[in-house]
């Protein structure tokens, strides 16, 4: 099994933001726009980082080509375009710039997918709200006992999640007060 590479913005936890609770549709609809803003802001930052990485790569390539043309790779013999290009690609600074660009592209791709996930969540909120409005959930096709147990389990899970969130907020506020 492959290990997941942690990124600097993984602290935002897309899994929690994409989760939908049918008993908390009002809350999900209320916070959906702020979630989209958060993830779109991250996407914009990642796209900016990608543009900067592409610029650094182009600058590094130009710098190395200039060095090659001014005599840095004369030991390779006649300086043809292919020799210069090959010399540039084996330089550690060029490889580092390529790796930085590839990481930035990976980040942008992940965040574009996160944007898509949140757009799907928005559509699901609308669908769930329509189902509640038309009374889909008011006529259960399973026995009342099973439905009540399921509803109680869902409510308990929602309450536990809310409690955990409030604890995290409380600890975060304490840390902020200590830091100030």
C-alpha atoms as a PDB file:
ATOM      1  CA  UNK A   1       0.000   0.000   0.000  1.00  0.00           C
ATOM      2  CA  UNK A   2       1.306   3.437  -0.948  1.00  0.00           C
ATOM      3  CA  UNK A   3       1.767   6.120   1.713  1.00  0.00           C
ATOM      4  CA  UNK A   4      -0.161   9.335   1.282  1.00  0.00           C
ATOM      5  CA  UNK A   5       2.081  12.358   0.947  1.00  0.00           C
ATOM      6  CA  UNK A   6       0.998  15.126   3.313  1.00  0.00           C
ATOM      7  CA  UNK A   7       0.839  18.586   1.812  1.00  0.00           C
ATOM      8  CA  UNK A   8       1.011  21.869   3.653  1.00  0.00           C
ATOM      9  CA  UNK A   9      -2.724  22.481   3.174  1.00  0.00           C
ATOM     10  CA  UNK A  10      -3.911  19.014   4.270  1.00  0.00           C
ATOM     11  CA  UNK A  11      -4.831  20.549   7.622  1.00  0.00           C
ATOM     12  CA  UNK A  12      -7.998  21.837   5.941  1.00  0.00           C
ATOM     13  CA  UNK A  13      -9.355  18.256   5.759  1.00  0.00           C
ATOM     14  CA  UNK A  14     -11.416  17.935   2.599  1.00  0.00           C
ATOM     15  CA  UNK A  15     -13.116  14.795   3.928  1.00  0.00           C
ATOM     16  CA  UNK A  16     -14.841  16.693   6.745  1.00  0.00           C
ATOM     17  CA  UNK A  17     -15.762  19.604   4.485  1.00  0.00           C
ATOM     18  CA  UNK A  18     -17.293  17.288   1.866  1.00  0.00           C
ATOM     19  CA  UNK A  19     -19.367  15.292   4.353  1.00  0.00           C
ATOM     20  CA  UNK A  20     -23.138  15.801   4.214  1.00  0.00           C
ATOM     21  CA  UNK A  21     -25.546  15.191   7.087  1.00  0.00           C
ATOM     22  CA  UNK A  22     -29.181  14.935   6.028  1.00  0.00           C
ATOM     23  CA  UNK A  23     -30.257  16.121   9.490  1.00  0.00           C
ATOM     24  CA  UNK A  24     -28.128  19.232   9.220  1.00  0.00           C
ATOM     25  CA  UNK A  25     -29.021  20.477   5.752  1.00  0.00           C
ATOM     26  CA  UNK A  26     -29.664  23.994   6.995  1.00  0.00           C
ATOM     27  CA  UNK A  27     -26.199  24.160   8.536  1.00  0.00           C
ATOM     28  CA  UNK A  28     -24.605  22.562   5.466  1.00  0.00           C
ATOM     29  CA  UNK A  29     -26.293  25.079   3.172  1.00  0.00           C
ATOM     30  CA  UNK A  30     -25.281  27.940   5.460  1.00  0.00           C
ATOM     31  CA  UNK A  31     -21.571  27.067   5.502  1.00  0.00           C
ATOM     32  CA  UNK A  32     -21.270  25.823   1.906  1.00  0.00           C
ATOM     33  CA  UNK A  33     -20.283  29.224   0.538  1.00  0.00           C
ATOM     34  CA  UNK A  34     -17.564  29.702   3.164  1.00  0.00           C
ATOM     35  CA  UNK A  35     -16.195  26.234   2.385  1.00  0.00           C
ATOM     36  CA  UNK A  36     -16.080  27.078  -1.317  1.00  0.00           C
ATOM     37  CA  UNK A  37     -14.277  30.349  -0.553  1.00  0.00           C
ATOM     38  CA  UNK A  38     -11.746  28.522   1.608  1.00  0.00           C
ATOM     39  CA  UNK A  39     -10.937  25.892  -1.019  1.00  0.00           C
ATOM     40  CA  UNK A  40     -11.004  28.342  -3.934  1.00  0.00           C
ATOM     41  CA  UNK A  41      -8.592  30.589  -2.028  1.00  0.00           C
ATOM     42  CA  UNK A  42      -6.281  27.605  -1.607  1.00  0.00           C
ATOM     43  CA  UNK A  43      -6.639  26.832  -5.320  1.00  0.00           C
ATOM     44  CA  UNK A  44      -5.757  30.409  -6.248  1.00  0.00           C
ATOM     45  CA  UNK A  45      -2.686  30.275  -4.005  1.00  0.00           C
ATOM     46  CA  UNK A  46      -1.640  26.955  -5.536  1.00  0.00           C
ATOM     47  CA  UNK A  47      -2.083  28.324  -9.057  1.00  0.00           C
ATOM     48  CA  UNK A  48       0.044  31.323  -8.111  1.00  0.00           C
ATOM     49  CA  UNK A  49       2.706  28.964  -6.751  1.00  0.00           C
ATOM     50  CA  UNK A  50       2.559  26.983 -10.003  1.00  0.00           C
ATOM     51  CA  UNK A  51       3.065  30.128 -12.076  1.00  0.00           C
ATOM     52  CA  UNK A  52       6.028  31.111  -9.919  1.00  0.00           C
ATOM     53  CA  UNK A  53       7.502  27.607 -10.224  1.00  0.00           C
ATOM     54  CA  UNK A  54       7.150  27.727 -14.012  1.00  0.00           C
ATOM     55  CA  UNK A  55       8.873  31.122 -14.053  1.00  0.00           C
ATOM     56  CA  UNK A  56      11.717  29.850 -11.854  1.00  0.00           C
ATOM     57  CA  UNK A  57      12.118  26.832 -14.131  1.00  0.00           C
ATOM     58  CA  UNK A  58      12.279  29.004 -17.252  1.00  0.00           C
ATOM     59  CA  UNK A  59      14.767  31.351 -15.539  1.00  0.00           C
ATOM     60  CA  UNK A  60      16.936  28.440 -14.417  1.00  0.00           C
ATOM     61  CA  UNK A  61      16.898  26.930 -17.907  1.00  0.00           C
ATOM     62  CA  UNK A  62      17.869  30.263 -19.481  1.00  0.00           C
ATOM     63  CA  UNK A  63      20.630  30.790 -16.916  1.00  0.00           C
ATOM     64  CA  UNK A  64      22.080  27.325 -17.534  1.00  0.00           C
ATOM     65  CA  UNK A  65      21.872  27.711 -21.309  1.00  0.00           C
ATOM     66  CA  UNK A  66      23.741  30.997 -21.035  1.00  0.00           C
ATOM     67  CA  UNK A  67      26.423  29.328 -18.920  1.00  0.00           C
ATOM     68  CA  UNK A  68      26.677  26.493 -21.439  1.00  0.00           C
ATOM     69  CA  UNK A  69      26.997  28.875 -24.373  1.00  0.00           C
ATOM     70  CA  UNK A  70      29.705  30.901 -22.582  1.00  0.00           C
ATOM     71  CA  UNK A  71      31.910  27.878 -22.062  1.00  0.00           C
ATOM     72  CA  UNK A  72      30.721  25.971 -18.986  1.00  0.00           C
ATOM     73  CA  UNK A  73      30.330  22.657 -20.826  1.00  0.00           C
ATOM     74  CA  UNK A  74      33.228  22.687 -23.279  1.00  0.00           C
ATOM     75  CA  UNK A  75      34.374  19.287 -21.987  1.00  0.00           C
ATOM     76  CA  UNK A  76      31.490  17.721 -23.930  1.00  0.00           C
ATOM     77  CA  UNK A  77      33.037  18.665 -27.244  1.00  0.00           C
ATOM     78  CA  UNK A  78      31.239  20.539 -29.979  1.00  0.00           C
ATOM     79  CA  UNK A  79      28.381  22.594 -28.550  1.00  0.00           C
ATOM     80  CA  UNK A  80      25.296  21.661 -30.481  1.00  0.00           C
ATOM     81  CA  UNK A  81      21.766  22.424 -29.335  1.00  0.00           C
ATOM     82  CA  UNK A  82      21.251  18.846 -28.199  1.00  0.00           C
ATOM     83  CA  UNK A  83      24.488  18.882 -26.131  1.00  0.00           C
ATOM     84  CA  UNK A  84      23.476  22.153 -24.464  1.00  0.00           C
ATOM     85  CA  UNK A  85      19.955  20.872 -23.798  1.00  0.00           C
ATOM     86  CA  UNK A  86      21.316  17.635 -22.338  1.00  0.00           C
ATOM     87  CA  UNK A  87      23.805  19.505 -20.141  1.00  0.00           C
ATOM     88  CA  UNK A  88      21.039  21.767 -18.823  1.00  0.00           C
ATOM     89  CA  UNK A  89      18.751  18.835 -17.928  1.00  0.00           C
ATOM     90  CA  UNK A  90      21.418  17.032 -15.859  1.00  0.00           C
ATOM     91  CA  UNK A  91      22.159  20.030 -13.650  1.00  0.00           C
ATOM     92  CA  UNK A  92      20.929  19.621 -10.037  1.00  0.00           C
ATOM     93  CA  UNK A  93      19.476  23.139  -9.902  1.00  0.00           C
ATOM     94  CA  UNK A  94      17.405  22.441 -13.022  1.00  0.00           C
ATOM     95  CA  UNK A  95      16.183  19.116 -11.617  1.00  0.00           C
ATOM     96  CA  UNK A  96      15.164  20.863  -8.387  1.00  0.00           C
ATOM     97  CA  UNK A  97      13.214  23.489 -10.362  1.00  0.00           C
ATOM     98  CA  UNK A  98      11.434  20.722 -12.324  1.00  0.00           C
ATOM     99  CA  UNK A  99      10.527  18.931  -9.083  1.00  0.00           C
ATOM    100  CA  UNK A 100       9.129  22.158  -7.619  1.00  0.00           C
ATOM    101  CA  UNK A 101       7.015  22.723 -10.739  1.00  0.00           C
ATOM    102  CA  UNK A 102       5.724  19.131 -10.658  1.00  0.00           C
ATOM    103  CA  UNK A 103       4.774  19.456  -6.977  1.00  0.00           C
ATOM    104  CA  UNK A 104       2.961  22.714  -7.704  1.00  0.00           C
ATOM    105  CA  UNK A 105       1.071  21.044 -10.580  1.00  0.00           C
ATOM    106  CA  UNK A 106       0.096  18.201  -8.262  1.00  0.00           C
ATOM    107  CA  UNK A 107      -1.210  20.665  -5.683  1.00  0.00           C
ATOM    108  CA  UNK A 108      -3.266  22.528  -8.289  1.00  0.00           C
ATOM    109  CA  UNK A 109      -4.757  19.264  -9.561  1.00  0.00           C
ATOM    110  CA  UNK A 110      -5.710  18.156  -6.036  1.00  0.00           C
ATOM    111  CA  UNK A 111      -7.340  21.494  -5.269  1.00  0.00           C
ATOM    112  CA  UNK A 112      -9.236  21.517  -8.574  1.00  0.00           C
ATOM    113  CA  UNK A 113     -10.612  18.125  -7.583  1.00  0.00           C
ATOM    114  CA  UNK A 114     -11.515  19.526  -4.145  1.00  0.00           C
ATOM    115  CA  UNK A 115     -13.447  22.307  -5.887  1.00  0.00           C
ATOM    116  CA  UNK A 116     -15.331  19.681  -7.905  1.00  0.00           C
ATOM    117  CA  UNK A 117     -16.114  17.718  -4.738  1.00  0.00           C
ATOM    118  CA  UNK A 118     -17.606  20.808  -3.088  1.00  0.00           C
ATOM    119  CA  UNK A 119     -19.659  21.578  -6.200  1.00  0.00           C
ATOM    120  CA  UNK A 120     -21.059  18.040  -5.989  1.00  0.00           C
ATOM    121  CA  UNK A 121     -21.806  18.596  -2.301  1.00  0.00           C
ATOM    122  CA  UNK A 122     -23.739  21.756  -3.219  1.00  0.00           C
ATOM    123  CA  UNK A 123     -25.820  19.755  -5.706  1.00  0.00           C
ATOM    124  CA  UNK A 124     -26.439  17.059  -3.085  1.00  0.00           C
ATOM    125  CA  UNK A 125     -27.638  19.671  -0.580  1.00  0.00           C
ATOM    126  CA  UNK A 126     -30.180  20.847  -3.160  1.00  0.00           C
ATOM    127  CA  UNK A 127     -31.286  17.288  -3.914  1.00  0.00           C
ATOM    128  CA  UNK A 128     -31.623  16.371  -0.224  1.00  0.00           C
ATOM    129  CA  UNK A 129     -33.566  19.570   0.485  1.00  0.00           C
ATOM    130  CA  UNK A 130     -35.923  18.801  -2.393  1.00  0.00           C
ATOM    131  CA  UNK A 131     -36.434  15.281  -1.052  1.00  0.00           C
ATOM    132  CA  UNK A 132     -37.329  16.683   2.372  1.00  0.00           C
ATOM    133  CA  UNK A 133     -39.659  19.241   0.791  1.00  0.00           C
ATOM    134  CA  UNK A 134     -41.580  16.695  -1.253  1.00  0.00           C
ATOM    135  CA  UNK A 135     -41.977  14.419   1.771  1.00  0.00           C
ATOM    136  CA  UNK A 136     -39.729  11.605   0.603  1.00  0.00           C
ATOM    137  CA  UNK A 137     -38.436  10.990   4.123  1.00  0.00           C
ATOM    138  CA  UNK A 138     -41.885  11.189   5.732  1.00  0.00           C
ATOM    139  CA  UNK A 139     -43.090   7.878   4.265  1.00  0.00           C
ATOM    140  CA  UNK A 140     -40.557   5.306   5.358  1.00  0.00           C
ATOM    141  CA  UNK A 141     -40.673   1.969   3.582  1.00  0.00           C
ATOM    142  CA  UNK A 142     -38.994   0.178   6.520  1.00  0.00           C
ATOM    143  CA  UNK A 143     -40.553  -0.595   9.840  1.00  0.00           C
ATOM    144  CA  UNK A 144     -40.760   2.259  12.327  1.00  0.00           C
ATOM    145  CA  UNK A 145     -38.536   0.536  14.852  1.00  0.00           C
ATOM    146  CA  UNK A 146     -35.637   0.194  12.401  1.00  0.00           C
ATOM    147  CA  UNK A 147     -36.117   3.741  11.088  1.00  0.00           C
ATOM    148  CA  UNK A 148     -36.136   5.168  14.619  1.00  0.00           C
ATOM    149  CA  UNK A 149     -32.961   3.285  15.501  1.00  0.00           C
ATOM    150  CA  UNK A 150     -31.267   4.523  12.343  1.00  0.00           C
ATOM    151  CA  UNK A 151     -32.392   8.114  12.980  1.00  0.00           C
ATOM    152  CA  UNK A 152     -31.167   7.958  16.574  1.00  0.00           C
ATOM    153  CA  UNK A 153     -27.796   6.624  15.402  1.00  0.00           C
ATOM    154  CA  UNK A 154     -27.507   9.458  12.873  1.00  0.00           C
ATOM    155  CA  UNK A 155     -28.491  12.073  15.451  1.00  0.00           C
ATOM    156  CA  UNK A 156     -25.984  10.675  17.935  1.00  0.00           C
ATOM    157  CA  UNK A 157     -23.240  10.722  15.321  1.00  0.00           C
ATOM    158  CA  UNK A 158     -24.105  14.331  14.429  1.00  0.00           C
ATOM    159  CA  UNK A 159     -24.107  15.331  18.088  1.00  0.00           C
ATOM    160  CA  UNK A 160     -20.740  13.648  18.642  1.00  0.00           C
ATOM    161  CA  UNK A 161     -19.268  15.414  15.621  1.00  0.00           C
ATOM    162  CA  UNK A 162     -20.606  18.758  16.844  1.00  0.00           C
ATOM    163  CA  UNK A 163     -19.158  18.101  20.310  1.00  0.00           C
ATOM    164  CA  UNK A 164     -15.751  17.277  18.815  1.00  0.00           C
ATOM    165  CA  UNK A 165     -15.844  20.408  16.680  1.00  0.00           C
ATOM    166  CA  UNK A 166     -16.690  22.558  19.691  1.00  0.00           C
ATOM    167  CA  UNK A 167     -13.821  20.984  21.656  1.00  0.00           C
ATOM    168  CA  UNK A 168     -11.405  21.726  18.812  1.00  0.00           C
ATOM    169  CA  UNK A 169     -12.621  25.327  18.671  1.00  0.00           C
ATOM    170  CA  UNK A 170     -12.262  25.658  22.425  1.00  0.00           C
ATOM    171  CA  UNK A 171      -8.681  24.335  22.331  1.00  0.00           C
ATOM    172  CA  UNK A 172      -7.857  26.592  19.377  1.00  0.00           C
ATOM    173  CA  UNK A 173      -9.182  29.624  21.244  1.00  0.00           C
ATOM    174  CA  UNK A 174      -7.150  28.676  24.312  1.00  0.00           C
ATOM    175  CA  UNK A 175      -4.020  28.387  22.161  1.00  0.00           C
ATOM    176  CA  UNK A 176      -4.714  31.773  20.563  1.00  0.00           C
ATOM    177  CA  UNK A 177      -5.198  33.361  23.985  1.00  0.00           C
ATOM    178  CA  UNK A 178      -1.949  31.847  25.227  1.00  0.00           C
ATOM    179  CA  UNK A 179      -0.064  33.029  22.128  1.00  0.00           C
ATOM    180  CA  UNK A 180      -1.386  36.570  22.507  1.00  0.00           C
END
